[in-house]
Amino acid sequence: MSSSNNSSPLYERPVELLQQLIRCDTTNPPGNEAACIGLVNGLLTEAGIETVTHARTPGRPNLIARLRGRGACPPLLLYGHVDVVTTAGQAWQHPPFDAMVADGYVWGRGALDMKGGVAMMVAALLRAKAEQLDLPGDVVLALVCDEEAGGDDGAKYLVENHADLFKGIRYALGEFGGFTLSIGKQRFYLIGVAEKQMCSLRATVRGPGGHGSMPLRGGAMAKLSRLIRRLEQHRLPVHVTPAARLMFGGIAAGLPAPANVLVRQLLNPMLTDHMLDMLGANGRVFDPLLHNTVSATMVRGGDKINVIPCEVSLGLDGRLLPGYAPQDLLDELRHVAGHEVALEVERYGPGPSEPDMGLFDTLGGILREYDPAGTPVPFMLSGVTDGRFFSKLGIQTYGFLPMQLPPGFNFAQTIHAADERIPVEAVAFGTNAIYKAMARFST
């Protein structure tokens, strides 16, 4: 488990482990996660940790490892995905699969989402094994494929076909959370306790077709432009969920006046949108946590340059707040889009409605020890994770991949973008925090 140029065990060098993971190109589609999973499997089995793999599709395995504890409490699940999104069309400062260390960062696709987190988990597990950590309960590590394309071959497959591997588990650590958010001079650690739900839709508009040489007024294309303009100009209604109340209440409690008063106003539906506009960059981060949302992402219509199409459709990436259903989003959209637009749900992935906060104080306490100046607060993720699948087994996921990020580092805009990178020091920070969580976990 040591390299030729460093005699220290690999778990003490999580950055090097992350580099090895990034250099496995697991762009999904097609995924090709086998080499990456095989790399980790080899490290774990060499260390004497029991593992098993299961695959729905050949070449796309999922790895489950178990480190035995003394049985004083149920197992703790650590899980993450090893597939990454495409880099096509992006201009990178450093090649996205070279995993270069430069300017204090590890650069590469997956550095944040989420091979950085996988490296933290694997390093913490290897350390626990090597140091014979007195674990209160078993620790189960699940590394899955296919998260970036919906999870059908990954977590969804495991939950539906190998649920016995997760028997008795109540809490899990996964993506995303534990990273820092700076508001003024105050540093907050956002620990994920909830996430929005996937609800993809298609909006269709129709109108008269014709020859391209005879322009039409009010056709399908014109209706599409009006729809996109309405979506641009109008937010959907404000909803203050229990998770949002926990998050913004916690942030307000950690801020001095008058900033604390301003943040609390986010929880007043009559003032929410006005306050979001006042908060600038942070307001843009908070906005989707207080609304159901849709983003126009795909347009289909017309197949010849000289034919005016009579039908055009718009793909909408819809995200529902916890506790809301597809019909709620359809009703809110119809109010904005008008009746000339046909709306249909294409895919819905339900998630848990309210978080189980039983492990929050333990995780928050660990972060306070490492950074007494930081304030841990509950966090709701605007995206979705594999947590929605594990929730069907009664498992509460905590987004806990702790990273102390430098001021001005925009976490949300770095994921999936060119120049994805993670601070070198953040990798060690997260590894140590996860190790301590394994040692202190109990129910």
Protein backbone atom coordinates (compact mmCIF):
# COMPACT_ATOMS: atom_id res chain seq x y z
CA MET A 1 0.00 0.00 0.00
CA SER A 2 3.01 2.27 -0.30
CA SER A 3 4.51 3.83 -3.40
CA SER A 4 8.10 3.63 -4.56
CA ASN A 5 8.82 7.25 -3.66
CA ASN A 6 7.01 7.42 -0.33
CA SER A 7 7.18 4.88 2.47
CA SER A 8 4.14 6.22 4.33
CA PRO A 9 0.88 4.28 3.89
CA LEU A 10 -1.48 5.53 1.21
CA TYR A 11 -4.17 6.44 3.72
CA GLU A 12 -1.83 9.16 4.97
CA ARG A 13 -1.63 10.50 1.41
CA PRO A 14 -5.28 10.97 0.36
CA VAL A 15 -4.28 13.49 -2.30
CA GLU A 16 -2.25 10.82 -4.08
CA LEU A 17 -5.20 8.46 -3.83
CA LEU A 18 -7.45 11.14 -5.34
CA GLN A 19 -5.01 11.60 -8.21
CA GLN A 20 -5.18 7.89 -8.99
CA LEU A 21 -8.98 8.01 -9.02
CA ILE A 22 -9.15 11.07 -11.29
CA ARG A 23 -6.79 9.41 -13.79
CA CYS A 24 -9.41 6.70 -14.31
CA ASP A 25 -11.61 8.29 -16.98
CA THR A 26 -15.11 7.38 -15.82
CA THR A 27 -17.02 9.87 -17.96
CA ASN A 28 -20.70 8.87 -17.98
CA PRO A 29 -21.86 7.97 -20.54
CA PRO A 30 -20.50 5.35 -20.97
CA GLY A 31 -19.05 5.19 -17.44
CA ASN A 32 -16.36 2.53 -17.71
CA GLU A 33 -16.09 2.47 -13.93
CA ALA A 34 -14.53 -1.01 -13.70
CA ALA A 35 -10.89 0.16 -13.58
CA CYS A 36 -11.62 2.73 -10.88
CA ILE A 37 -13.63 0.27 -8.79
CA GLY A 38 -10.91 -2.34 -9.30
CA LEU A 39 -8.28 0.09 -8.04
CA VAL A 40 -10.15 0.68 -4.79
CA ASN A 41 -11.08 -2.96 -4.41
CA GLY A 42 -7.42 -3.91 -4.62
CA LEU A 43 -6.45 -1.42 -1.92
CA LEU A 44 -9.18 -2.60 0.43
CA THR A 45 -8.59 -6.32 -0.03
CA GLU A 46 -4.83 -5.85 0.37
CA ALA A 47 -5.58 -4.17 3.71
CA GLY A 48 -7.73 -7.12 4.80
CA ILE A 49 -11.14 -5.46 4.43
CA GLU A 50 -13.90 -7.72 3.13
CA THR A 51 -15.47 -6.61 -0.16
CA VAL A 52 -18.03 -7.74 -2.71
CA THR A 53 -19.03 -6.37 -6.11
CA HIS A 54 -22.39 -6.45 -7.86
CA ALA A 55 -23.16 -5.25 -11.38
CA ARG A 56 -26.37 -4.79 -13.30
CA THR A 57 -24.44 -4.11 -16.49
CA PRO A 58 -21.13 -5.82 -17.42
CA GLY A 59 -18.19 -3.48 -16.92
CA ARG A 60 -20.07 -1.27 -14.48
CA PRO A 61 -19.57 -2.80 -11.03
CA ASN A 62 -20.58 -1.47 -7.64
CA LEU A 63 -18.31 -2.14 -4.66
CA ILE A 64 -19.48 -2.80 -1.11
CA ALA A 65 -16.94 -3.15 1.69
CA ARG A 66 -17.51 -3.80 5.39
CA LEU A 67 -15.19 -3.06 8.29
CA ARG A 68 -16.42 -4.84 11.40
CA GLY A 69 -17.08 -2.97 14.65
CA ARG A 70 -17.96 -4.18 18.12
CA GLY A 71 -21.72 -4.22 17.49
CA ALA A 72 -22.68 -1.57 20.02
CA CYS A 73 -24.81 0.25 17.45
CA PRO A 74 -26.16 -0.25 13.92
CA PRO A 75 -23.76 0.08 10.98
CA LEU A 76 -22.78 3.41 9.49
CA LEU A 77 -22.91 3.71 5.69
CA LEU A 78 -20.37 5.71 3.68
CA TYR A 79 -21.23 5.94 0.00
CA GLY A 80 -20.15 7.75 -3.11
CA HIS A 81 -20.08 7.48 -6.89
CA VAL A 82 -17.04 7.15 -9.10
CA ASP A 83 -18.56 8.22 -12.44
CA VAL A 84 -18.13 11.80 -13.64
CA VAL A 85 -19.75 14.14 -16.16
CA THR A 86 -18.32 15.00 -19.56
CA THR A 87 -15.61 17.56 -20.22
CA ALA A 88 -16.62 17.97 -23.86
CA GLY A 89 -16.48 21.55 -25.12
CA GLN A 90 -14.77 22.86 -21.98
CA ALA A 91 -11.48 24.76 -21.96
CA TRP A 92 -9.35 23.62 -19.01
CA GLN A 93 -6.19 25.20 -17.63
CA HIS A 94 -4.86 21.70 -16.89
CA PRO A 95 -5.90 18.45 -18.63
CA PRO A 96 -9.00 17.16 -16.82
CA PHE A 97 -7.71 13.60 -16.31
CA ASP A 98 -4.07 14.37 -15.48
CA ALA A 99 -4.87 15.17 -11.82
CA MET A 100 -2.19 17.85 -11.62
CA VAL A 101 -1.38 19.55 -8.33
CA ALA A 102 -0.92 23.26 -8.99
CA ASP A 103 -1.51 26.47 -7.02
CA GLY A 104 -2.57 24.51 -3.97
CA TYR A 105 -5.31 22.53 -5.74
CA VAL A 106 -5.80 19.10 -7.26
CA TRP A 107 -7.22 19.78 -10.73
CA GLY A 108 -9.40 17.34 -12.62
CA ARG A 109 -12.85 16.07 -13.44
CA GLY A 110 -14.37 14.59 -10.31
CA ALA A 111 -12.08 16.44 -7.90
CA LEU A 112 -15.21 17.74 -6.18
CA ASP A 113 -17.96 15.57 -7.65
CA MET A 114 -17.14 13.26 -6.13
CA LYS A 115 -13.81 11.47 -6.32
CA GLY A 116 -12.47 13.88 -3.71
CA GLY A 117 -15.09 12.57 -1.31
CA VAL A 118 -14.44 8.96 -2.33
CA ALA A 119 -10.72 9.43 -1.62
CA MET A 120 -11.58 10.81 1.83
CA MET A 121 -13.82 7.84 2.64
CA VAL A 122 -11.40 5.20 1.37
CA ALA A 123 -8.44 6.78 3.17
CA ALA A 124 -10.43 7.00 6.42
CA LEU A 125 -11.49 3.36 6.14
CA LEU A 126 -7.94 2.19 5.42
CA ARG A 127 -6.67 4.19 8.39
CA ALA A 128 -9.34 2.70 10.67
CA LYS A 129 -8.29 -0.79 9.62
CA ALA A 130 -4.57 -0.13 9.98
CA GLU A 131 -4.93 1.50 13.39
CA GLN A 132 -7.49 -1.06 14.57
CA LEU A 133 -9.92 1.72 15.44
CA ASP A 134 -12.47 0.66 18.06
CA LEU A 135 -15.54 1.14 15.88
CA PRO A 136 -18.85 1.21 17.80
CA GLY A 137 -20.57 -0.47 14.87
CA ASP A 138 -19.72 -1.82 11.42
CA VAL A 139 -18.79 0.68 8.73
CA VAL A 140 -20.13 -0.15 5.27
CA LEU A 141 -18.58 1.54 2.24
CA ALA A 142 -20.55 1.53 -1.02
CA LEU A 143 -18.90 2.92 -4.15
CA VAL A 144 -21.33 3.00 -7.04
CA CYS A 145 -21.47 3.67 -10.75
CA ASP A 146 -23.95 5.66 -12.83
CA GLU A 147 -25.01 8.40 -10.38
CA GLU A 148 -24.52 11.11 -12.98
CA ALA A 149 -26.98 9.44 -15.37
CA GLY A 150 -29.73 8.58 -12.90
CA GLY A 151 -28.32 5.70 -10.86
CA ASP A 152 -30.15 2.84 -12.60
CA ASP A 153 -26.96 0.74 -12.75
CA GLY A 154 -25.71 1.97 -9.39
CA ALA A 155 -27.47 2.82 -6.14
CA LYS A 156 -30.95 2.13 -7.50
CA TYR A 157 -29.88 -1.35 -8.58
CA LEU A 158 -28.28 -2.10 -5.21
CA VAL A 159 -31.27 -0.90 -3.21
CA GLU A 160 -33.73 -2.89 -5.30
CA ASN A 161 -31.69 -6.09 -5.61
CA HIS A 162 -29.22 -6.22 -2.69
CA ALA A 163 -30.99 -4.45 0.15
CA ASP A 164 -29.69 -7.07 2.57
CA LEU A 165 -26.24 -5.48 2.35
CA PHE A 166 -27.66 -2.40 4.08
CA LYS A 167 -29.76 -4.12 6.73
CA GLY A 168 -30.05 -2.20 9.98
CA ILE A 169 -28.42 0.97 8.66
CA ARG A 170 -30.10 4.18 9.76
CA TYR A 171 -27.53 6.87 8.92
CA ALA A 172 -25.17 7.45 6.00
CA LEU A 173 -22.49 9.94 5.00
CA GLY A 174 -22.51 10.96 1.34
CA GLU A 175 -22.60 13.97 -0.93
CA PHE A 176 -22.77 16.98 -0.54
CA GLY A 177 -22.02 18.98 2.56
CA GLY A 178 -19.53 19.89 5.21
CA PHE A 179 -17.98 22.52 2.95
CA THR A 180 -17.65 26.16 3.97
CA LEU A 181 -19.81 29.13 3.05
CA SER A 182 -18.60 32.59 4.00
CA ILE A 183 -21.11 35.32 4.80
CA GLY A 184 -19.35 38.51 5.74
CA LYS A 185 -16.63 37.50 8.20
CA GLN A 186 -18.48 34.43 9.41
CA ARG A 187 -17.67 30.93 8.16
CA PHE A 188 -20.43 28.31 8.08
CA TYR A 189 -20.14 24.58 7.46
CA LEU A 190 -23.16 23.34 5.52
CA ILE A 191 -23.98 19.77 6.58
CA GLY A 192 -26.44 18.21 4.14
CA VAL A 193 -29.64 16.88 5.71
CA ALA A 194 -32.09 17.13 2.79
CA GLU A 195 -32.20 17.41 -0.98
CA LYS A 196 -34.64 18.39 -3.66
CA GLN A 197 -36.39 15.85 -5.85
CA MET A 198 -35.88 15.23 -9.57
CA CYS A 199 -38.92 15.99 -11.71
CA SER A 200 -38.09 16.26 -15.41
CA LEU A 201 -40.80 17.69 -17.63
CA ARG A 202 -41.54 18.38 -21.25
CA ALA A 203 -43.38 21.49 -22.41
CA THR A 204 -44.90 21.35 -25.89
CA VAL A 205 -46.27 24.21 -27.98
CA ARG A 206 -48.08 23.89 -31.28
CA GLY A 207 -49.02 26.17 -34.13
CA PRO A 208 -49.48 26.30 -37.90
CA GLY A 209 -46.63 24.96 -40.04
CA GLY A 210 -45.62 26.10 -43.47
CA HIS A 211 -42.90 26.94 -45.92
CA GLY A 212 -39.88 28.75 -44.52
CA SER A 213 -40.13 31.38 -47.24
CA MET A 214 -43.51 32.51 -45.86
CA PRO A 215 -42.95 33.72 -42.29
CA LEU A 216 -45.69 33.06 -39.76
CA ARG A 217 -46.66 35.20 -36.80
CA GLY A 218 -47.72 33.44 -33.62
CA GLY A 219 -46.48 29.99 -34.59
CA ALA A 220 -44.94 27.34 -32.38
CA MET A 221 -41.55 29.04 -32.31
CA ALA A 222 -43.08 32.31 -31.21
CA LYS A 223 -45.01 30.52 -28.46
CA LEU A 224 -41.78 28.86 -27.35
CA SER A 225 -40.02 32.22 -27.10
CA ARG A 226 -42.86 33.58 -24.96
CA LEU A 227 -42.65 30.54 -22.68
CA ILE A 228 -38.91 30.91 -22.17
CA ARG A 229 -39.33 34.62 -21.48
CA ARG A 230 -42.01 33.94 -18.84
CA LEU A 231 -39.80 31.35 -17.15
CA GLU A 232 -36.97 33.88 -17.13
CA GLN A 233 -39.09 36.64 -15.64
CA HIS A 234 -41.16 34.81 -13.02
CA ARG A 235 -40.14 32.76 -10.01
CA LEU A 236 -42.45 29.99 -8.89
CA PRO A 237 -44.10 30.49 -5.47
CA VAL A 238 -42.10 30.60 -2.25
CA HIS A 239 -42.22 27.55 0.04
CA VAL A 240 -40.52 27.43 3.43
CA THR A 241 -39.85 23.76 4.17
CA PRO A 242 -38.72 22.36 7.54
CA ALA A 243 -35.22 21.86 6.08
CA ALA A 244 -35.06 25.47 4.91
CA ARG A 245 -36.23 26.68 8.31
CA LEU A 246 -33.42 24.71 9.99
CA MET A 247 -30.83 26.00 7.54
CA PHE A 248 -31.65 29.70 7.49
CA GLY A 249 -32.48 29.75 11.18
CA GLY A 250 -29.02 28.31 11.87
CA ILE A 251 -27.30 30.83 9.62
CA ALA A 252 -29.18 33.72 11.20
CA ALA A 253 -28.22 32.53 14.68
CA GLY A 254 -24.54 32.62 13.68
CA LEU A 255 -24.59 36.16 12.28
CA PRO A 256 -24.44 39.52 14.08
CA ALA A 257 -27.10 42.18 13.63
CA PRO A 258 -28.35 43.43 11.23
CA ALA A 259 -27.31 40.57 8.93
CA ASN A 260 -29.14 38.02 11.11
CA VAL A 261 -32.39 39.97 10.73
CA LEU A 262 -32.02 40.04 6.95
CA VAL A 263 -31.45 36.28 6.73
CA ARG A 264 -34.46 35.57 8.95
CA GLN A 265 -36.59 37.53 6.51
CA LEU A 266 -35.93 34.80 3.95
CA LEU A 267 -38.36 32.70 6.00
CA ASN A 268 -41.14 35.25 5.54
CA PRO A 269 -42.82 34.34 2.22
CA MET A 270 -43.97 37.92 1.76
CA LEU A 271 -40.35 39.13 1.78
CA THR A 272 -38.39 36.10 0.55
CA ASP A 273 -37.90 37.07 -3.09
CA HIS A 274 -36.99 40.66 -2.22
CA MET A 275 -34.38 39.47 0.26
CA LEU A 276 -32.94 36.98 -2.24
CA ASP A 277 -32.40 39.82 -4.70
CA MET A 278 -30.66 41.87 -2.01
CA LEU A 279 -28.25 39.05 -1.09
CA GLY A 280 -26.52 38.96 -4.48
CA ALA A 281 -24.35 35.87 -5.07
CA ASN A 282 -25.54 34.15 -1.88
CA GLY A 283 -29.11 34.91 -2.89
CA ARG A 284 -28.59 32.97 -6.11
CA VAL A 285 -27.38 29.99 -4.07
CA PHE A 286 -30.33 30.21 -1.67
CA ASP A 287 -33.04 30.85 -4.29
CA PRO A 288 -33.68 27.21 -5.34
CA LEU A 289 -33.92 26.18 -1.68
CA LEU A 290 -37.08 28.25 -1.30
CA HIS A 291 -38.85 27.48 -4.59
CA ASN A 292 -39.72 24.60 -6.83
CA THR A 293 -37.71 25.30 -9.98
CA VAL A 294 -37.39 24.47 -13.66
CA SER A 295 -34.49 25.16 -16.01
CA ALA A 296 -34.93 25.05 -19.78
CA THR A 297 -32.24 22.67 -21.06
CA MET A 298 -33.30 21.01 -24.33
CA VAL A 299 -35.24 22.13 -27.44
CA ARG A 300 -36.67 19.80 -30.07
CA GLY A 301 -38.49 20.97 -33.17
CA GLY A 302 -38.12 21.07 -36.90
CA ASP A 303 -35.95 18.84 -39.07
CA LYS A 304 -35.66 20.90 -42.25
CA ILE A 305 -34.42 24.46 -42.64
CA ASN A 306 -37.20 25.38 -45.09
CA VAL A 307 -40.12 23.98 -43.07
CA ILE A 308 -41.76 25.93 -40.25
CA PRO A 309 -42.45 23.32 -37.54
CA CYS A 310 -45.96 22.95 -36.18
CA GLU A 311 -44.71 21.50 -32.90
CA VAL A 312 -41.77 22.41 -30.67
CA SER A 313 -40.93 20.92 -27.29
CA LEU A 314 -38.80 22.20 -24.45
CA GLY A 315 -37.07 19.94 -21.94
CA LEU A 316 -37.30 21.28 -18.39
CA ASP A 317 -35.04 20.16 -15.58
CA GLY A 318 -37.52 20.39 -12.73
CA ARG A 319 -36.58 20.17 -9.06
CA LEU A 320 -39.14 19.77 -6.29
CA LEU A 321 -38.69 20.78 -2.69
CA PRO A 322 -39.03 18.01 -0.08
CA GLY A 323 -42.65 17.22 0.62
CA TYR A 324 -43.97 18.38 -2.77
CA ALA A 325 -45.28 16.24 -5.63
CA PRO A 326 -45.17 16.54 -9.45
CA GLN A 327 -48.73 17.85 -9.56
CA ASP A 328 -47.65 20.80 -7.41
CA LEU A 329 -45.01 21.73 -9.97
CA LEU A 330 -47.42 21.30 -12.88
CA ASP A 331 -49.96 23.58 -11.21
CA GLU A 332 -47.35 26.25 -10.50
CA LEU A 333 -45.96 26.08 -14.03
CA ARG A 334 -49.35 26.37 -15.67
CA HIS A 335 -49.88 29.62 -13.82
CA VAL A 336 -46.69 30.99 -15.39
CA ALA A 337 -46.74 29.27 -18.79
CA GLY A 338 -50.40 29.73 -19.69
CA HIS A 339 -52.82 27.26 -21.21
CA GLU A 340 -51.30 27.19 -24.71
CA VAL A 341 -48.45 25.06 -23.34
CA ALA A 342 -48.90 21.30 -22.81
CA LEU A 343 -46.95 20.00 -19.82
CA GLU A 344 -46.08 16.42 -18.96
CA VAL A 345 -43.84 14.75 -16.39
CA GLU A 346 -41.13 12.55 -17.94
CA ARG A 347 -39.27 11.33 -14.85
CA TYR A 348 -39.84 11.74 -11.14
CA GLY A 349 -37.52 10.58 -8.37
CA PRO A 350 -39.18 10.98 -4.96
CA GLY A 351 -37.14 11.70 -1.87
CA PRO A 352 -37.74 11.88 1.89
CA SER A 353 -39.97 14.72 3.08
CA GLU A 354 -38.37 15.61 6.44
CA PRO A 355 -34.82 15.01 7.70
CA ASP A 356 -33.87 12.86 10.67
CA MET A 357 -31.50 15.09 12.65
CA GLY A 358 -30.24 12.40 15.04
CA LEU A 359 -26.61 12.51 13.87
CA PHE A 360 -26.31 16.24 13.23
CA ASP A 361 -24.89 17.25 16.61
CA THR A 362 -22.16 14.62 16.39
CA LEU A 363 -21.05 15.77 12.95
CA GLY A 364 -21.34 19.44 13.84
CA GLY A 365 -19.28 18.87 16.97
CA ILE A 366 -16.46 17.33 14.93
CA LEU A 367 -16.31 20.37 12.65
CA ARG A 368 -16.32 22.73 15.63
CA GLU A 369 -13.27 20.91 17.01
CA TYR A 370 -11.36 21.31 13.76
CA ASP A 371 -12.49 24.90 13.28
CA PRO A 372 -13.79 26.63 16.43
CA ALA A 373 -14.51 29.77 14.39
CA GLY A 374 -16.87 27.90 12.05
CA THR A 375 -20.58 27.35 12.60
CA PRO A 376 -22.16 24.07 11.43
CA VAL A 377 -25.69 24.46 10.04
CA PRO A 378 -28.12 22.06 8.34
CA PHE A 379 -28.17 22.32 4.55
CA MET A 380 -30.58 21.38 1.80
CA LEU A 381 -29.03 20.47 -1.55
CA SER A 382 -30.66 21.99 -4.63
CA GLY A 383 -29.76 18.88 -6.67
CA VAL A 384 -30.37 15.20 -6.12
CA THR A 385 -28.04 12.42 -5.03
CA ASP A 386 -28.15 8.66 -4.56
CA GLY A 387 -29.55 9.48 -1.14
CA ARG A 388 -33.03 9.32 -2.65
CA PHE A 389 -32.55 5.60 -3.28
CA PHE A 390 -31.08 4.79 0.12
CA SER A 391 -33.93 6.70 1.76
CA LYS A 392 -36.27 3.95 0.55
CA LEU A 393 -34.48 1.66 3.02
CA GLY A 394 -35.08 4.14 5.84
CA ILE A 395 -31.55 5.55 5.66
CA GLN A 396 -30.98 9.24 6.37
CA THR A 397 -28.06 10.65 4.38
CA TYR A 398 -25.90 13.42 5.76
CA GLY A 399 -23.95 15.36 3.16
CA PHE A 400 -20.60 15.20 4.94
CA LEU A 401 -17.50 15.57 2.78
CA PRO A 402 -15.93 18.31 4.88
CA MET A 403 -13.85 20.90 3.05
CA GLN A 404 -12.50 24.16 4.36
CA LEU A 405 -12.60 26.27 1.22
CA PRO A 406 -10.83 29.59 0.67
CA PRO A 407 -12.99 32.75 0.62
CA GLY A 408 -14.27 33.46 -2.86
CA PHE A 409 -14.11 29.83 -4.00
CA ASN A 410 -17.47 29.17 -5.64
CA PHE A 411 -18.28 25.55 -4.89
CA ALA A 412 -21.53 25.43 -6.88
CA GLN A 413 -20.03 26.95 -10.03
CA THR A 414 -16.93 24.73 -9.98
CA ILE A 415 -18.73 21.37 -9.99
CA HIS A 416 -19.35 20.02 -13.52
CA ALA A 417 -17.47 23.01 -14.97
CA ALA A 418 -14.08 23.51 -16.56
CA ASP A 419 -11.21 23.70 -14.05
CA GLU A 420 -12.95 21.60 -11.41
CA ARG A 421 -10.50 21.41 -8.51
CA ILE A 422 -10.24 20.88 -4.77
CA PRO A 423 -7.80 22.50 -2.33
CA VAL A 424 -5.04 20.07 -1.33
CA GLU A 425 -5.56 20.89 2.35
CA ALA A 426 -9.31 20.25 2.07
CA VAL A 427 -8.70 16.59 1.17
CA ALA A 428 -6.83 15.93 4.41
CA PHE A 429 -9.35 17.99 6.38
CA GLY A 430 -12.25 15.88 5.11
CA THR A 431 -10.42 12.59 5.59
CA ASN A 432 -9.72 13.38 9.24
CA ALA A 433 -13.31 14.52 9.87
CA ILE A 434 -14.78 11.34 8.34
CA TYR A 435 -12.37 9.20 10.37
CA LYS A 436 -13.51 10.90 13.56
CA ALA A 437 -17.17 10.46 12.55
CA MET A 438 -16.58 6.72 12.18
CA ALA A 439 -15.10 6.60 15.67
CA ARG A 440 -17.90 8.59 17.31
CA PHE A 441 -20.90 7.29 15.45
CA SER A 442 -23.68 5.92 17.63
CA THR A 443 -27.46 6.03 17.79
